[in-house]
């Protein structure tokens, strides 16, 4: 098994990252769940380098009630150095820890061509892509009242359509290798009238760019209480011949490798017995389960 979605969260008011012994603890916890390969994939939005490159994009939607909330969120979190993060991940690899140098690349509408050249300067093994906001609406931050309120006043089908379009642009940008929690739009439990319509669009977008799909246990802890992707979406991805990674989207030690066996069973039930591994952003296939 692999876990290609692990976060290293320093305190947001400092630039001090986790130390090697803490990454080693991640690896030990993963091994206890049969996971033999990890990707460290902190959010790109946590780095001053990325925010400086894209600029204050939220001002384009300054009329939205969510605009100042997203601005405050990014101001609080974007305090860290991409160079320091990559250097630590590289040291972990050099020490023999079974980690990959990765990043979770947040989607910036019409600006992925700005993000990609910046990331190309670093020796990443794998880049996973995610859509966490539409305009300035952080739709998956449902614990924040202003964001949850939007779910109650917006047309849910339109939300899914907007997400599918953002997903398509992210895929077409060629800026990532793997699509993280690909149907995140379902996170708060608001489901489109015909979700299959959007699953078809998203599976086709991923196939056209030959991207891998992340099968993640994180959704089981969300209000929707379902893994990513939904089984209907997963079936469409399998039928398109897409490759997969497995992930826990772990934000803390106790979540590393969580429910990895359940993810393996989902894939095996569909005839998937290999997963995608990455080195220098080149994909190779390895057994789903270690022998």
Foldseek 3Di string as FASTA:
>chain_A
DAAEAEEFDDQLVDADTDALVQVVLLLVLQVVLQHQAYEHAHAPLQAPVQCVQVDLQLVVVVVQPLSVVLVVVSVSRHPYHPVVLLVRQVVNVVVVRRYFYEYEYEQDPPCVVRVQVVPVVGQGFFYEYEYQDQSSARCLVCVDPSNVVCVVVDDLQVLLVSLLVSLLVVLVSLRGAEYELPVCSCQQPRAHPCVLVSLLSNLVSCLVSLHAYEFEPQSCPGNNNDTRPDLSSVLSNVVSVHAYDYHHNDHDSVSNSPPLVVSVVSQVVVVDQWHWDTGSNDTDIDGSGDD
